[in-house]
């Protein structure tokens, strides 16, 4: 390991997604990379950066429970994106 962060080249994103899908037994055609990256961006900017991967996980969990189709994923992402758009951290501080 090095102290330098390792970044995935943009062109390798599809290869990584395909490999991860194969490792998890997920149909690669069911994964919309752009949709998920947009979700992460919207949550990171609208809520907090650490909320982005958590939100992606929750969207995947909800989509899987709904049936796992691209449409199920899009519906889950839309719900979280709408929540992030209306989120005001000051309103939710404990």
PDB file of N, CA and C in Angstrom:
ATOM      1  N   UNK A   1       0.835  -1.180   0.000  1.00  0.00           N
ATOM      2  CA  UNK A   1       0.000   0.000   0.000  1.00  0.00           C
ATOM      3  C   UNK A   1       0.879   1.243   0.000  1.00  0.00           C
ATOM      4  N   UNK A   2       0.365   2.258  -0.616  1.00  0.00           N
ATOM      5  CA  UNK A   2       1.076   3.526  -0.641  1.00  0.00           C
ATOM      6  C   UNK A   2       0.223   4.579   0.049  1.00  0.00           C
ATOM      7  N   UNK A   3       0.835   5.713   0.295  1.00  0.00           N
ATOM      8  CA  UNK A   3       0.096   6.823   0.884  1.00  0.00           C
ATOM      9  C   UNK A   3      -0.685   7.599  -0.163  1.00  0.00           C
ATOM     10  N   UNK A   4      -0.429   7.313  -1.443  1.00  0.00           N
ATOM     11  CA  UNK A   4      -1.112   8.016  -2.528  1.00  0.00           C
ATOM     12  C   UNK A   4      -2.490   7.402  -2.751  1.00  0.00           C
ATOM     13  N   UNK A   5      -3.535   8.244  -2.841  1.00  0.00           N
ATOM     14  CA  UNK A   5      -4.854   7.685  -3.145  1.00  0.00           C
ATOM     15  C   UNK A   5      -4.861   7.082  -4.539  1.00  0.00           C
ATOM     16  N   UNK A   6      -5.581   6.001  -4.683  1.00  0.00           N
ATOM     17  CA  UNK A   6      -5.691   5.371  -5.988  1.00  0.00           C
ATOM     18  C   UNK A   6      -7.073   5.671  -6.541  1.00  0.00           C
ATOM     19  N   UNK A   7      -7.095   6.204  -7.742  1.00  0.00           N
ATOM     20  CA  UNK A   7      -8.352   6.575  -8.376  1.00  0.00           C
ATOM     21  C   UNK A   7      -8.587   5.686  -9.583  1.00  0.00           C
ATOM     22  N   UNK A   8      -9.805   5.331  -9.775  1.00  0.00           N
ATOM     23  CA  UNK A   8     -10.206   4.526 -10.913  1.00  0.00           C
ATOM     24  C   UNK A   8     -10.285   5.416 -12.139  1.00  0.00           C
ATOM     25  N   UNK A   9      -9.541   5.113 -13.188  1.00  0.00           N
ATOM     26  CA  UNK A   9      -9.671   5.921 -14.414  1.00  0.00           C
ATOM     27  C   UNK A   9     -11.111   5.863 -14.920  1.00  0.00           C
ATOM     28  N   UNK A  10     -11.578   6.969 -15.432  1.00  0.00           N
ATOM     29  CA  UNK A  10     -12.965   7.060 -15.892  1.00  0.00           C
ATOM     30  C   UNK A  10     -13.305   5.936 -16.854  1.00  0.00           C
ATOM     31  N   UNK A  11     -12.404   5.623 -17.766  1.00  0.00           N
ATOM     32  CA  UNK A  11     -12.676   4.576 -18.752  1.00  0.00           C
ATOM     33  C   UNK A  11     -12.768   3.183 -18.132  1.00  0.00           C
ATOM     34  N   UNK A  12     -12.286   3.014 -16.915  1.00  0.00           N
ATOM     35  CA  UNK A  12     -12.334   1.708 -16.260  1.00  0.00           C
ATOM     36  C   UNK A  12     -13.617   1.513 -15.446  1.00  0.00           C
ATOM     37  N   UNK A  13     -14.444   2.545 -15.349  1.00  0.00           N
ATOM     38  CA  UNK A  13     -15.648   2.452 -14.534  1.00  0.00           C
ATOM     39  C   UNK A  13     -16.579   1.344 -15.010  1.00  0.00           C
ATOM     40  N   UNK A  14     -16.750   1.225 -16.297  1.00  0.00           N
ATOM     41  CA  UNK A  14     -17.614   0.175 -16.817  1.00  0.00           C
ATOM     42  C   UNK A  14     -17.034  -1.210 -16.527  1.00  0.00           C
ATOM     43  N   UNK A  15     -15.705  -1.347 -16.686  1.00  0.00           N
ATOM     44  CA  UNK A  15     -15.059  -2.635 -16.384  1.00  0.00           C
ATOM     45  C   UNK A  15     -15.229  -2.993 -14.910  1.00  0.00           C
ATOM     46  N   UNK A  16     -15.035  -1.999 -14.036  1.00  0.00           N
ATOM     47  CA  UNK A  16     -15.199  -2.240 -12.604  1.00  0.00           C
ATOM     48  C   UNK A  16     -16.641  -2.646 -12.296  1.00  0.00           C
ATOM     49  N   UNK A  17     -17.599  -1.950 -12.868  1.00  0.00           N
ATOM     50  CA  UNK A  17     -19.002  -2.250 -12.628  1.00  0.00           C
ATOM     51  C   UNK A  17     -19.336  -3.659 -13.093  1.00  0.00           C
ATOM     52  N   UNK A  18     -18.841  -4.033 -14.249  1.00  0.00           N
ATOM     53  CA  UNK A  18     -19.076  -5.385 -14.764  1.00  0.00           C
ATOM     54  C   UNK A  18     -18.468  -6.434 -13.843  1.00  0.00           C
ATOM     55  N   UNK A  19     -17.270  -6.193 -13.374  1.00  0.00           N
ATOM     56  CA  UNK A  19     -16.605  -7.149 -12.477  1.00  0.00           C
ATOM     57  C   UNK A  19     -17.338  -7.244 -11.137  1.00  0.00           C
ATOM     58  N   UNK A  20     -17.742  -6.108 -10.594  1.00  0.00           N
ATOM     59  CA  UNK A  20     -18.469  -6.113  -9.327  1.00  0.00           C
ATOM     60  C   UNK A  20     -19.806  -6.826  -9.482  1.00  0.00           C
ATOM     61  N   UNK A  21     -20.499  -6.577 -10.576  1.00  0.00           N
ATOM     62  CA  UNK A  21     -21.768  -7.265 -10.833  1.00  0.00           C
ATOM     63  C   UNK A  21     -21.557  -8.773 -10.926  1.00  0.00           C
ATOM     64  N   UNK A  22     -20.520  -9.189 -11.627  1.00  0.00           N
ATOM     65  CA  UNK A  22     -20.234 -10.622 -11.753  1.00  0.00           C
ATOM     66  C   UNK A  22     -19.945 -11.234 -10.382  1.00  0.00           C
ATOM     67  N   UNK A  23     -19.177 -10.529  -9.562  1.00  0.00           N
ATOM     68  CA  UNK A  23     -18.830 -11.041  -8.235  1.00  0.00           C
ATOM     69  C   UNK A  23     -20.054 -11.164  -7.333  1.00  0.00           C
ATOM     70  N   UNK A  24     -21.047 -10.309  -7.555  1.00  0.00           N
ATOM     71  CA  UNK A  24     -22.241 -10.295  -6.718  1.00  0.00           C
ATOM     72  C   UNK A  24     -23.429 -11.026  -7.342  1.00  0.00           C
ATOM     73  N   UNK A  25     -23.254 -11.526  -8.563  1.00  0.00           N
ATOM     74  CA  UNK A  25     -24.346 -12.221  -9.238  1.00  0.00           C
ATOM     75  C   UNK A  25     -25.459 -11.286  -9.669  1.00  0.00           C
ATOM     76  N   UNK A  26     -25.090 -10.063 -10.039  1.00  0.00           N
ATOM     77  CA  UNK A  26     -26.063  -9.054 -10.478  1.00  0.00           C
ATOM     78  C   UNK A  26     -25.984  -8.925 -11.989  1.00  0.00           C
ATOM     79  N   UNK A  27     -27.126  -8.830 -12.634  1.00  0.00           N
ATOM     80  CA  UNK A  27     -27.178  -8.604 -14.074  1.00  0.00           C
ATOM     81  C   UNK A  27     -26.655  -7.195 -14.362  1.00  0.00           C
ATOM     82  N   UNK A  28     -25.563  -7.093 -15.096  1.00  0.00           N
ATOM     83  CA  UNK A  28     -24.940  -5.794 -15.392  1.00  0.00           C
ATOM     84  C   UNK A  28     -25.909  -4.855 -16.081  1.00  0.00           C
ATOM     85  N   UNK A  29     -26.822  -5.391 -16.882  1.00  0.00           N
ATOM     86  CA  UNK A  29     -27.790  -4.562 -17.605  1.00  0.00           C
ATOM     87  C   UNK A  29     -28.754  -3.851 -16.661  1.00  0.00           C
ATOM     88  N   UNK A  30     -28.843  -4.316 -15.422  1.00  0.00           N
ATOM     89  CA  UNK A  30     -29.764  -3.694 -14.473  1.00  0.00           C
ATOM     90  C   UNK A  30     -29.150  -2.495 -13.755  1.00  0.00           C
ATOM     91  N   UNK A  31     -27.878  -2.209 -14.028  1.00  0.00           N
ATOM     92  CA  UNK A  31     -27.167  -1.138 -13.325  1.00  0.00           C
ATOM     93  C   UNK A  31     -27.029   0.083 -14.224  1.00  0.00           C
ATOM     94  N   UNK A  32     -27.580   1.195 -13.777  1.00  0.00           N
ATOM     95  CA  UNK A  32     -27.481   2.465 -14.486  1.00  0.00           C
ATOM     96  C   UNK A  32     -26.445   3.317 -13.758  1.00  0.00           C
ATOM     97  N   UNK A  33     -25.218   3.294 -14.266  1.00  0.00           N
ATOM     98  CA  UNK A  33     -24.110   3.994 -13.614  1.00  0.00           C
ATOM     99  C   UNK A  33     -24.405   5.484 -13.459  1.00  0.00           C
ATOM    100  N   UNK A  34     -24.862   6.119 -14.516  1.00  0.00           N
ATOM    101  CA  UNK A  34     -25.129   7.555 -14.466  1.00  0.00           C
ATOM    102  C   UNK A  34     -26.154   7.917 -13.410  1.00  0.00           C
ATOM    103  N   UNK A  35     -27.206   7.126 -13.298  1.00  0.00           N
ATOM    104  CA  UNK A  35     -28.245   7.367 -12.312  1.00  0.00           C
ATOM    105  C   UNK A  35     -27.672   7.328 -10.902  1.00  0.00           C
ATOM    106  N   UNK A  36     -26.840   6.328 -10.633  1.00  0.00           N
ATOM    107  CA  UNK A  36     -26.269   6.180  -9.300  1.00  0.00           C
ATOM    108  C   UNK A  36     -25.233   7.256  -8.990  1.00  0.00           C
ATOM    109  N   UNK A  37     -24.458   7.642  -9.992  1.00  0.00           N
ATOM    110  CA  UNK A  37     -23.503   8.726  -9.780  1.00  0.00           C
ATOM    111  C   UNK A  37     -24.220  10.048  -9.533  1.00  0.00           C
ATOM    112  N   UNK A  38     -25.319  10.267 -10.245  1.00  0.00           N
ATOM    113  CA  UNK A  38     -26.113  11.476 -10.009  1.00  0.00           C
ATOM    114  C   UNK A  38     -26.699  11.467  -8.601  1.00  0.00           C
ATOM    115  N   UNK A  39     -27.168  10.315  -8.155  1.00  0.00           N
ATOM    116  CA  UNK A  39     -27.687  10.193  -6.798  1.00  0.00           C
ATOM    117  C   UNK A  39     -26.608  10.570  -5.788  1.00  0.00           C
ATOM    118  N   UNK A  40     -25.423  10.000  -5.945  1.00  0.00           N
ATOM    119  CA  UNK A  40     -24.335  10.292  -5.012  1.00  0.00           C
ATOM    120  C   UNK A  40     -24.002  11.780  -5.005  1.00  0.00           C
ATOM    121  N   UNK A  41     -23.961  12.390  -6.180  1.00  0.00           N
ATOM    122  CA  UNK A  41     -23.677  13.823  -6.271  1.00  0.00           C
ATOM    123  C   UNK A  41     -24.744  14.644  -5.565  1.00  0.00           C
ATOM    124  N   UNK A  42     -26.006  14.339  -5.833  1.00  0.00           N
ATOM    125  CA  UNK A  42     -27.100  15.117  -5.267  1.00  0.00           C
ATOM    126  C   UNK A  42     -27.142  15.006  -3.742  1.00  0.00           C
ATOM    127  N   UNK A  43     -26.927  13.816  -3.242  1.00  0.00           N
ATOM    128  CA  UNK A  43     -26.938  13.627  -1.785  1.00  0.00           C
ATOM    129  C   UNK A  43     -25.706  14.265  -1.151  1.00  0.00           C
ATOM    130  N   UNK A  44     -24.553  14.106  -1.779  1.00  0.00           N
ATOM    131  CA  UNK A  44     -23.333  14.702  -1.230  1.00  0.00           C
ATOM    132  C   UNK A  44     -23.458  16.212  -1.123  1.00  0.00           C
ATOM    133  N   UNK A  45     -24.074  16.831  -2.131  1.00  0.00           N
ATOM    134  CA  UNK A  45     -24.212  18.290  -2.119  1.00  0.00           C
ATOM    135  C   UNK A  45     -25.408  18.765  -1.312  1.00  0.00           C
ATOM    136  N   UNK A  46     -26.476  17.987  -1.283  1.00  0.00           N
ATOM    137  CA  UNK A  46     -27.688  18.422  -0.603  1.00  0.00           C
ATOM    138  C   UNK A  46     -27.770  18.040   0.857  1.00  0.00           C
ATOM    139  N   UNK A  47     -27.034  17.014   1.247  1.00  0.00           N
ATOM    140  CA  UNK A  47     -27.097  16.528   2.636  1.00  0.00           C
ATOM    141  C   UNK A  47     -25.704  16.600   3.247  1.00  0.00           C
ATOM    142  N   UNK A  48     -24.854  15.644   2.881  1.00  0.00           N
ATOM    143  CA  UNK A  48     -23.468  15.597   3.364  1.00  0.00           C
ATOM    144  C   UNK A  48     -22.745  14.519   2.574  1.00  0.00           C
ATOM    145  N   UNK A  49     -21.457  14.715   2.369  1.00  0.00           N
ATOM    146  CA  UNK A  49     -20.694  13.740   1.585  1.00  0.00           C
ATOM    147  C   UNK A  49     -20.809  12.319   2.111  1.00  0.00           C
ATOM    148  N   UNK A  50     -20.710  12.094   3.426  1.00  0.00           N
ATOM    149  CA  UNK A  50     -20.813  10.714   3.909  1.00  0.00           C
ATOM    150  C   UNK A  50     -22.177  10.081   3.672  1.00  0.00           C
ATOM    151  N   UNK A  51     -23.187  10.896   3.419  1.00  0.00           N
ATOM    152  CA  UNK A  51     -24.521  10.354   3.158  1.00  0.00           C
ATOM    153  C   UNK A  51     -24.640   9.752   1.767  1.00  0.00           C
ATOM    154  N   UNK A  52     -23.712  10.081   0.870  1.00  0.00           N
ATOM    155  CA  UNK A  52     -23.806   9.592  -0.512  1.00  0.00           C
ATOM    156  C   UNK A  52     -23.682   8.075  -0.615  1.00  0.00           C
ATOM    157  N   UNK A  53     -22.631   7.443  -0.078  1.00  0.00           N
ATOM    158  CA  UNK A  53     -22.573   5.977  -0.208  1.00  0.00           C
ATOM    159  C   UNK A  53     -23.673   5.275   0.581  1.00  0.00           C
ATOM    160  N   UNK A  54     -24.043   5.829   1.718  1.00  0.00           N
ATOM    161  CA  UNK A  54     -25.133   5.249   2.491  1.00  0.00           C
ATOM    162  C   UNK A  54     -26.430   5.303   1.703  1.00  0.00           C
ATOM    163  N   UNK A  55     -26.678   6.418   1.056  1.00  0.00           N
ATOM    164  CA  UNK A  55     -27.897   6.572   0.254  1.00  0.00           C
ATOM    165  C   UNK A  55     -27.907   5.624  -0.939  1.00  0.00           C
ATOM    166  N   UNK A  56     -26.745   5.428  -1.572  1.00  0.00           N
ATOM    167  CA  UNK A  56     -26.659   4.477  -2.684  1.00  0.00           C
ATOM    168  C   UNK A  56     -26.982   3.062  -2.198  1.00  0.00           C
ATOM    169  N   UNK A  57     -26.472   2.713  -1.031  1.00  0.00           N
ATOM    170  CA  UNK A  57     -26.779   1.403  -0.460  1.00  0.00           C
ATOM    171  C   UNK A  57     -28.281   1.276  -0.188  1.00  0.00           C
ATOM    172  N   UNK A  58     -28.857   2.305   0.426  1.00  0.00           N
ATOM    173  CA  UNK A  58     -30.288   2.262   0.738  1.00  0.00           C
ATOM    174  C   UNK A  58     -31.137   2.176  -0.523  1.00  0.00           C
ATOM    175  N   UNK A  59     -30.750   2.897  -1.562  1.00  0.00           N
ATOM    176  CA  UNK A  59     -31.471   2.817  -2.835  1.00  0.00           C
ATOM    177  C   UNK A  59     -31.393   1.401  -3.396  1.00  0.00           C
ATOM    178  N   UNK A  60     -30.234   0.792  -3.332  1.00  0.00           N
ATOM    179  CA  UNK A  60     -30.078  -0.579  -3.812  1.00  0.00           C
ATOM    180  C   UNK A  60     -30.891  -1.566  -2.997  1.00  0.00           C
ATOM    181  N   UNK A  61     -30.902  -1.373  -1.695  1.00  0.00           N
ATOM    182  CA  UNK A  61     -31.686  -2.244  -0.818  1.00  0.00           C
ATOM    183  C   UNK A  61     -33.176  -2.120  -1.135  1.00  0.00           C
ATOM    184  N   UNK A  62     -33.650  -0.887  -1.262  1.00  0.00           N
ATOM    185  CA  UNK A  62     -35.064  -0.668  -1.583  1.00  0.00           C
ATOM    186  C   UNK A  62     -35.410  -1.231  -2.957  1.00  0.00           C
ATOM    187  N   UNK A  63     -34.525  -1.011  -3.929  1.00  0.00           N
ATOM    188  CA  UNK A  63     -34.770  -1.532  -5.273  1.00  0.00           C
ATOM    189  C   UNK A  63     -34.822  -3.051  -5.268  1.00  0.00           C
ATOM    190  N   UNK A  64     -33.910  -3.670  -4.561  1.00  0.00           N
ATOM    191  CA  UNK A  64     -33.895  -5.128  -4.471  1.00  0.00           C
ATOM    192  C   UNK A  64     -35.159  -5.676  -3.845  1.00  0.00           C
ATOM    193  N   UNK A  65     -35.600  -5.030  -2.799  1.00  0.00           N
ATOM    194  CA  UNK A  65     -36.828  -5.475  -2.125  1.00  0.00           C
ATOM    195  C   UNK A  65     -38.061  -5.278  -3.007  1.00  0.00           C
ATOM    196  N   UNK A  66     -37.997  -4.293  -3.904  1.00  0.00           N
ATOM    197  CA  UNK A  66     -39.125  -4.033  -4.799  1.00  0.00           C
ATOM    198  C   UNK A  66     -39.121  -4.943  -6.025  1.00  0.00           C
ATOM    199  N   UNK A  67     -38.035  -5.650  -6.260  1.00  0.00           N
ATOM    200  CA  UNK A  67     -37.953  -6.551  -7.402  1.00  0.00           C
ATOM    201  C   UNK A  67     -36.627  -6.497  -8.125  1.00  0.00           C
ATOM    202  N   UNK A  68     -35.899  -5.392  -8.003  1.00  0.00           N
ATOM    203  CA  UNK A  68     -34.550  -5.311  -8.540  1.00  0.00           C
ATOM    204  C   UNK A  68     -34.408  -4.844  -9.974  1.00  0.00           C
ATOM    205  N   UNK A  69     -35.476  -4.396 -10.590  1.00  0.00           N
ATOM    206  CA  UNK A  69     -35.372  -3.949 -11.975  1.00  0.00           C
ATOM    207  C   UNK A  69     -34.768  -2.547 -12.040  1.00  0.00           C
ATOM    208  N   UNK A  70     -34.424  -2.128 -13.261  1.00  0.00           N
ATOM    209  CA  UNK A  70     -33.944  -0.753 -13.459  1.00  0.00           C
ATOM    210  C   UNK A  70     -35.011   0.247 -13.024  1.00  0.00           C
ATOM    211  N   UNK A  71     -36.251  -0.076 -13.268  1.00  0.00           N
ATOM    212  CA  UNK A  71     -37.351   0.802 -12.874  1.00  0.00           C
ATOM    213  C   UNK A  71     -37.452   0.903 -11.357  1.00  0.00           C
ATOM    214  N   UNK A  72     -37.250  -0.222 -10.663  1.00  0.00           N
ATOM    215  CA  UNK A  72     -37.267  -0.225  -9.201  1.00  0.00           C
ATOM    216  C   UNK A  72     -36.134   0.643  -8.658  1.00  0.00           C
ATOM    217  N   UNK A  73     -34.967   0.533  -9.292  1.00  0.00           N
ATOM    218  CA  UNK A  73     -33.831   1.352  -8.884  1.00  0.00           C
ATOM    219  C   UNK A  73     -34.118   2.822  -9.129  1.00  0.00           C
ATOM    220  N   UNK A  74     -34.668   3.138 -10.298  1.00  0.00           N
ATOM    221  CA  UNK A  74     -34.985   4.529 -10.624  1.00  0.00           C
ATOM    222  C   UNK A  74     -35.986   5.111  -9.631  1.00  0.00           C
ATOM    223  N   UNK A  75     -36.967   4.325  -9.219  1.00  0.00           N
ATOM    224  CA  UNK A  75     -37.963   4.803  -8.253  1.00  0.00           C
ATOM    225  C   UNK A  75     -37.315   5.077  -6.897  1.00  0.00           C
ATOM    226  N   UNK A  76     -36.447   4.181  -6.458  1.00  0.00           N
ATOM    227  CA  UNK A  76     -35.763   4.377  -5.176  1.00  0.00           C
ATOM    228  C   UNK A  76     -34.859   5.599  -5.231  1.00  0.00           C
ATOM    229  N   UNK A  77     -34.124   5.737  -6.323  1.00  0.00           N
ATOM    230  CA  UNK A  77     -33.240   6.892  -6.488  1.00  0.00           C
ATOM    231  C   UNK A  77     -34.055   8.176  -6.526  1.00  0.00           C
ATOM    232  N   UNK A  78     -35.176   8.176  -7.213  1.00  0.00           N
ATOM    233  CA  UNK A  78     -36.021   9.372  -7.284  1.00  0.00           C
ATOM    234  C   UNK A  78     -36.508   9.779  -5.892  1.00  0.00           C
ATOM    235  N   UNK A  79     -36.880   8.815  -5.084  1.00  0.00           N
ATOM    236  CA  UNK A  79     -37.358   9.121  -3.733  1.00  0.00           C
ATOM    237  C   UNK A  79     -36.250   9.744  -2.889  1.00  0.00           C
ATOM    238  N   UNK A  80     -35.049   9.187  -2.975  1.00  0.00           N
ATOM    239  CA  UNK A  80     -33.937   9.724  -2.186  1.00  0.00           C
ATOM    240  C   UNK A  80     -33.493  11.077  -2.732  1.00  0.00           C
ATOM    241  N   UNK A  81     -33.479  11.229  -4.038  1.00  0.00           N
ATOM    242  CA  UNK A  81     -33.091  12.509  -4.641  1.00  0.00           C
ATOM    243  C   UNK A  81     -34.065  13.614  -4.225  1.00  0.00           C
ATOM    244  N   UNK A  82     -35.349  13.303  -4.214  1.00  0.00           N
ATOM    245  CA  UNK A  82     -36.347  14.289  -3.786  1.00  0.00           C
ATOM    246  C   UNK A  82     -36.138  14.653  -2.317  1.00  0.00           C
ATOM    247  N   UNK A  83     -35.854  13.669  -1.502  1.00  0.00           N
ATOM    248  CA  UNK A  83     -35.596  13.941  -0.090  1.00  0.00           C
ATOM    249  C   UNK A  83     -34.358  14.826   0.061  1.00  0.00           C
ATOM    250  N   UNK A  84     -33.296  14.508  -0.667  1.00  0.00           N
ATOM    251  CA  UNK A  84     -32.065  15.302  -0.593  1.00  0.00           C
ATOM    252  C   UNK A  84     -32.296  16.735  -1.054  1.00  0.00           C
ATOM    253  N   UNK A  85     -33.141  16.910  -2.065  1.00  0.00           N
ATOM    254  CA  UNK A  85     -33.415  18.248  -2.584  1.00  0.00           C
ATOM    255  C   UNK A  85     -34.153  19.099  -1.559  1.00  0.00           C
ATOM    256  N   UNK A  86     -34.927  18.470  -0.706  1.00  0.00           N
ATOM    257  CA  UNK A  86     -35.691  19.213   0.290  1.00  0.00           C
ATOM    258  C   UNK A  86     -35.000  19.263   1.651  1.00  0.00           C
ATOM    259  N   UNK A  87     -33.874  18.605   1.753  1.00  0.00           N
ATOM    260  CA  UNK A  87     -33.185  18.469   3.039  1.00  0.00           C
ATOM    261  C   UNK A  87     -32.515  19.776   3.449  1.00  0.00           C
ATOM    262  N   UNK A  88     -32.707  20.123   4.682  1.00  0.00           N
ATOM    263  CA  UNK A  88     -32.017  21.261   5.280  1.00  0.00           C
ATOM    264  C   UNK A  88     -31.425  20.732   6.585  1.00  0.00           C
ATOM    265  N   UNK A  89     -30.106  20.654   6.642  1.00  0.00           N
ATOM    266  CA  UNK A  89     -29.433  20.082   7.798  1.00  0.00           C
ATOM    267  C   UNK A  89     -29.856  20.767   9.090  1.00  0.00           C
ATOM    268  N   UNK A  90     -30.060  22.076   9.050  1.00  0.00           N
ATOM    269  CA  UNK A  90     -30.452  22.801  10.256  1.00  0.00           C
ATOM    270  C   UNK A  90     -31.806  22.331  10.794  1.00  0.00           C
ATOM    271  N   UNK A  91     -32.665  21.883   9.893  1.00  0.00           N
ATOM    272  CA  UNK A  91     -33.979  21.406  10.307  1.00  0.00           C
ATOM    273  C   UNK A  91     -33.937  20.021  10.939  1.00  0.00           C
ATOM    274  N   UNK A  92     -32.810  19.305  10.764  1.00  0.00           N
ATOM    275  CA  UNK A  92     -32.731  17.920  11.199  1.00  0.00           C
ATOM    276  C   UNK A  92     -31.650  17.684  12.237  1.00  0.00           C
ATOM    277  N   UNK A  93     -31.060  18.738  12.779  1.00  0.00           N
ATOM    278  CA  UNK A  93     -30.062  18.581  13.825  1.00  0.00           C
ATOM    279  C   UNK A  93     -30.748  18.120  15.106  1.00  0.00           C
ATOM    280  N   UNK A  94     -30.103  17.176  15.756  1.00  0.00           N
ATOM    281  CA  UNK A  94     -30.677  16.669  17.021  1.00  0.00           C
ATOM    282  C   UNK A  94     -30.183  17.471  18.186  1.00  0.00           C
TER     283      UNK A  94
END
